Amino acid sequence: MLNFSVKRIYRFNGDSALKAIVDVAIGEEFLVKGFRLVEGKNGLFVAVPRQQGSDGKWYGTVFPLTEEAKRELDRVILEFFEDEQ
């Protein structure tokens, strides 16, 4: 059973594509900081936390391993964002 919950959200106002930074708990054991909620061409989407490498490129640091986990993570973050407006 997947158990994601939003612990903190940092909202951004204005015309930027970045709408929020979200910290998500996985169960009661782990906190993952830095999911990004971005407004894309096809609407809002959740982007994974990332870190800049020594080559200047950005690399994801956290990845859902299943489609089910990705869908549930997206659902929890998007619902929280919309409910808290």
C-alpha atoms as a PDB file:
ATOM      1  CA  MET A   1       0.000   0.000   0.000  1.00  0.00           C
ATOM      2  CA  LEU A   2       1.399   3.389  -1.021  1.00  0.00           C
ATOM      3  CA  ASN A   3       1.220   6.084   1.609  1.00  0.00           C
ATOM      4  CA  PHE A   4       2.324   9.501   0.353  1.00  0.00           C
ATOM      5  CA  SER A   5       1.432  12.713   2.158  1.00  0.00           C
ATOM      6  CA  VAL A   6       2.339  16.343   1.543  1.00  0.00           C
ATOM      7  CA  LYS A   7       4.192  17.768   4.541  1.00  0.00           C
ATOM      8  CA  ARG A   8       5.019  21.238   3.241  1.00  0.00           C
ATOM      9  CA  ILE A   9       4.294  23.279   0.128  1.00  0.00           C
ATOM     10  CA  TYR A  10       6.051  26.468  -0.990  1.00  0.00           C
ATOM     11  CA  ARG A  11       3.843  28.299  -3.477  1.00  0.00           C
ATOM     12  CA  PHE A  12       5.089  30.752  -6.110  1.00  0.00           C
ATOM     13  CA  ASN A  13       2.890  33.537  -7.446  1.00  0.00           C
ATOM     14  CA  GLY A  14       3.254  35.229 -10.782  1.00  0.00           C
ATOM     15  CA  ASP A  15       3.792  34.129 -14.349  1.00  0.00           C
ATOM     16  CA  SER A  16       6.561  31.608 -13.694  1.00  0.00           C
ATOM     17  CA  ALA A  17       5.975  28.028 -14.850  1.00  0.00           C
ATOM     18  CA  LEU A  18       7.108  26.875 -11.391  1.00  0.00           C
ATOM     19  CA  LYS A  19       4.002  26.894  -9.207  1.00  0.00           C
ATOM     20  CA  ALA A  20       5.246  25.162  -6.038  1.00  0.00           C
ATOM     21  CA  ILE A  21       7.994  23.195  -4.327  1.00  0.00           C
ATOM     22  CA  VAL A  22       6.573  20.267  -2.363  1.00  0.00           C
ATOM     23  CA  ASP A  23       8.002  18.068   0.408  1.00  0.00           C
ATOM     24  CA  VAL A  24       6.417  14.607   0.548  1.00  0.00           C
ATOM     25  CA  ALA A  25       6.487  11.956   3.277  1.00  0.00           C
ATOM     26  CA  ILE A  26       6.593   8.295   2.316  1.00  0.00           C
ATOM     27  CA  GLY A  27       4.809   6.568   5.142  1.00  0.00           C
ATOM     28  CA  GLU A  28       6.136   7.748   8.486  1.00  0.00           C
ATOM     29  CA  GLU A  29       9.713   6.795   7.616  1.00  0.00           C
ATOM     30  CA  PHE A  30      11.042   9.110   4.873  1.00  0.00           C
ATOM     31  CA  LEU A  31      10.739  12.747   3.822  1.00  0.00           C
ATOM     32  CA  VAL A  32      11.641  13.689   0.248  1.00  0.00           C
ATOM     33  CA  LYS A  33      12.138  17.411  -0.310  1.00  0.00           C
ATOM     34  CA  GLY A  34      12.019  19.282  -3.573  1.00  0.00           C
ATOM     35  CA  PHE A  35       9.293  17.901  -5.827  1.00  0.00           C
ATOM     36  CA  ARG A  36       8.357  20.685  -8.243  1.00  0.00           C
ATOM     37  CA  LEU A  37       4.860  21.463  -9.483  1.00  0.00           C
ATOM     38  CA  VAL A  38       5.232  22.960 -12.955  1.00  0.00           C
ATOM     39  CA  GLU A  39       2.746  24.454 -15.428  1.00  0.00           C
ATOM     40  CA  GLY A  40       3.516  22.879 -18.789  1.00  0.00           C
ATOM     41  CA  LYS A  41       1.877  23.044 -22.220  1.00  0.00           C
ATOM     42  CA  ASN A  42      -0.585  20.324 -21.189  1.00  0.00           C
ATOM     43  CA  GLY A  43      -1.289  21.554 -17.652  1.00  0.00           C
ATOM     44  CA  LEU A  44       0.269  20.966 -14.242  1.00  0.00           C
ATOM     45  CA  PHE A  45       2.761  18.148 -13.738  1.00  0.00           C
ATOM     46  CA  VAL A  46       4.993  16.898 -10.941  1.00  0.00           C
ATOM     47  CA  ALA A  47       8.748  16.934 -11.545  1.00  0.00           C
ATOM     48  CA  VAL A  48      11.181  14.976  -9.373  1.00  0.00           C
ATOM     49  CA  PRO A  49      13.823  16.615  -7.171  1.00  0.00           C
ATOM     50  CA  ARG A  50      17.075  17.223  -9.010  1.00  0.00           C
ATOM     51  CA  GLN A  51      20.679  18.209  -8.462  1.00  0.00           C
ATOM     52  CA  GLN A  52      23.140  19.942 -10.741  1.00  0.00           C
ATOM     53  CA  GLY A  53      26.109  17.825 -11.766  1.00  0.00           C
ATOM     54  CA  SER A  54      29.663  19.015 -12.260  1.00  0.00           C
ATOM     55  CA  ASP A  55      28.941  19.143 -16.005  1.00  0.00           C
ATOM     56  CA  GLY A  56      26.271  21.827 -15.399  1.00  0.00           C
ATOM     57  CA  LYS A  57      23.377  19.514 -16.333  1.00  0.00           C
ATOM     58  CA  TRP A  58      20.506  18.741 -13.967  1.00  0.00           C
ATOM     59  CA  TYR A  59      19.852  15.156 -12.850  1.00  0.00           C
ATOM     60  CA  GLY A  60      16.850  13.706 -11.044  1.00  0.00           C
ATOM     61  CA  THR A  61      17.616  12.339  -7.592  1.00  0.00           C
ATOM     62  CA  VAL A  62      14.357  10.509  -6.762  1.00  0.00           C
ATOM     63  CA  PHE A  63      12.300   8.292  -9.062  1.00  0.00           C
ATOM     64  CA  PRO A  64       9.075   6.326  -8.601  1.00  0.00           C
ATOM     65  CA  LEU A  65       9.823   2.733  -9.575  1.00  0.00           C
ATOM     66  CA  THR A  66       6.313   1.860 -10.771  1.00  0.00           C
ATOM     67  CA  GLU A  67       3.569   3.576 -12.747  1.00  0.00           C
ATOM     68  CA  GLU A  68       1.251   3.039  -9.769  1.00  0.00           C
ATOM     69  CA  ALA A  69       3.642   4.939  -7.494  1.00  0.00           C
ATOM     70  CA  LYS A  70       3.992   7.770 -10.040  1.00  0.00           C
ATOM     71  CA  ARG A  71       0.208   8.107 -10.458  1.00  0.00           C
ATOM     72  CA  GLU A  72      -0.388   8.099  -6.681  1.00  0.00           C
ATOM     73  CA  LEU A  73       2.382  10.629  -6.028  1.00  0.00           C
ATOM     74  CA  ASP A  74       1.009  12.928  -8.750  1.00  0.00           C
ATOM     75  CA  ARG A  75      -2.544  12.560  -7.402  1.00  0.00           C
ATOM     76  CA  VAL A  76      -1.577  13.395  -3.809  1.00  0.00           C
ATOM     77  CA  ILE A  77       0.472  16.467  -4.781  1.00  0.00           C
ATOM     78  CA  LEU A  78      -2.030  17.845  -7.310  1.00  0.00           C
ATOM     79  CA  GLU A  79      -5.017  17.358  -4.993  1.00  0.00           C
ATOM     80  CA  PHE A  80      -3.199  19.059  -2.108  1.00  0.00           C
ATOM     81  CA  PHE A  81      -2.230  21.998  -4.329  1.00  0.00           C
ATOM     82  CA  GLU A  82      -5.766  22.469  -5.634  1.00  0.00           C
ATOM     83  CA  ASP A  83      -7.431  22.011  -2.232  1.00  0.00           C
ATOM     84  CA  GLU A  84      -5.147  24.539  -0.529  1.00  0.00           C
ATOM     85  CA  GLN A  85      -5.746  27.419  -2.967  1.00  0.00           C
END
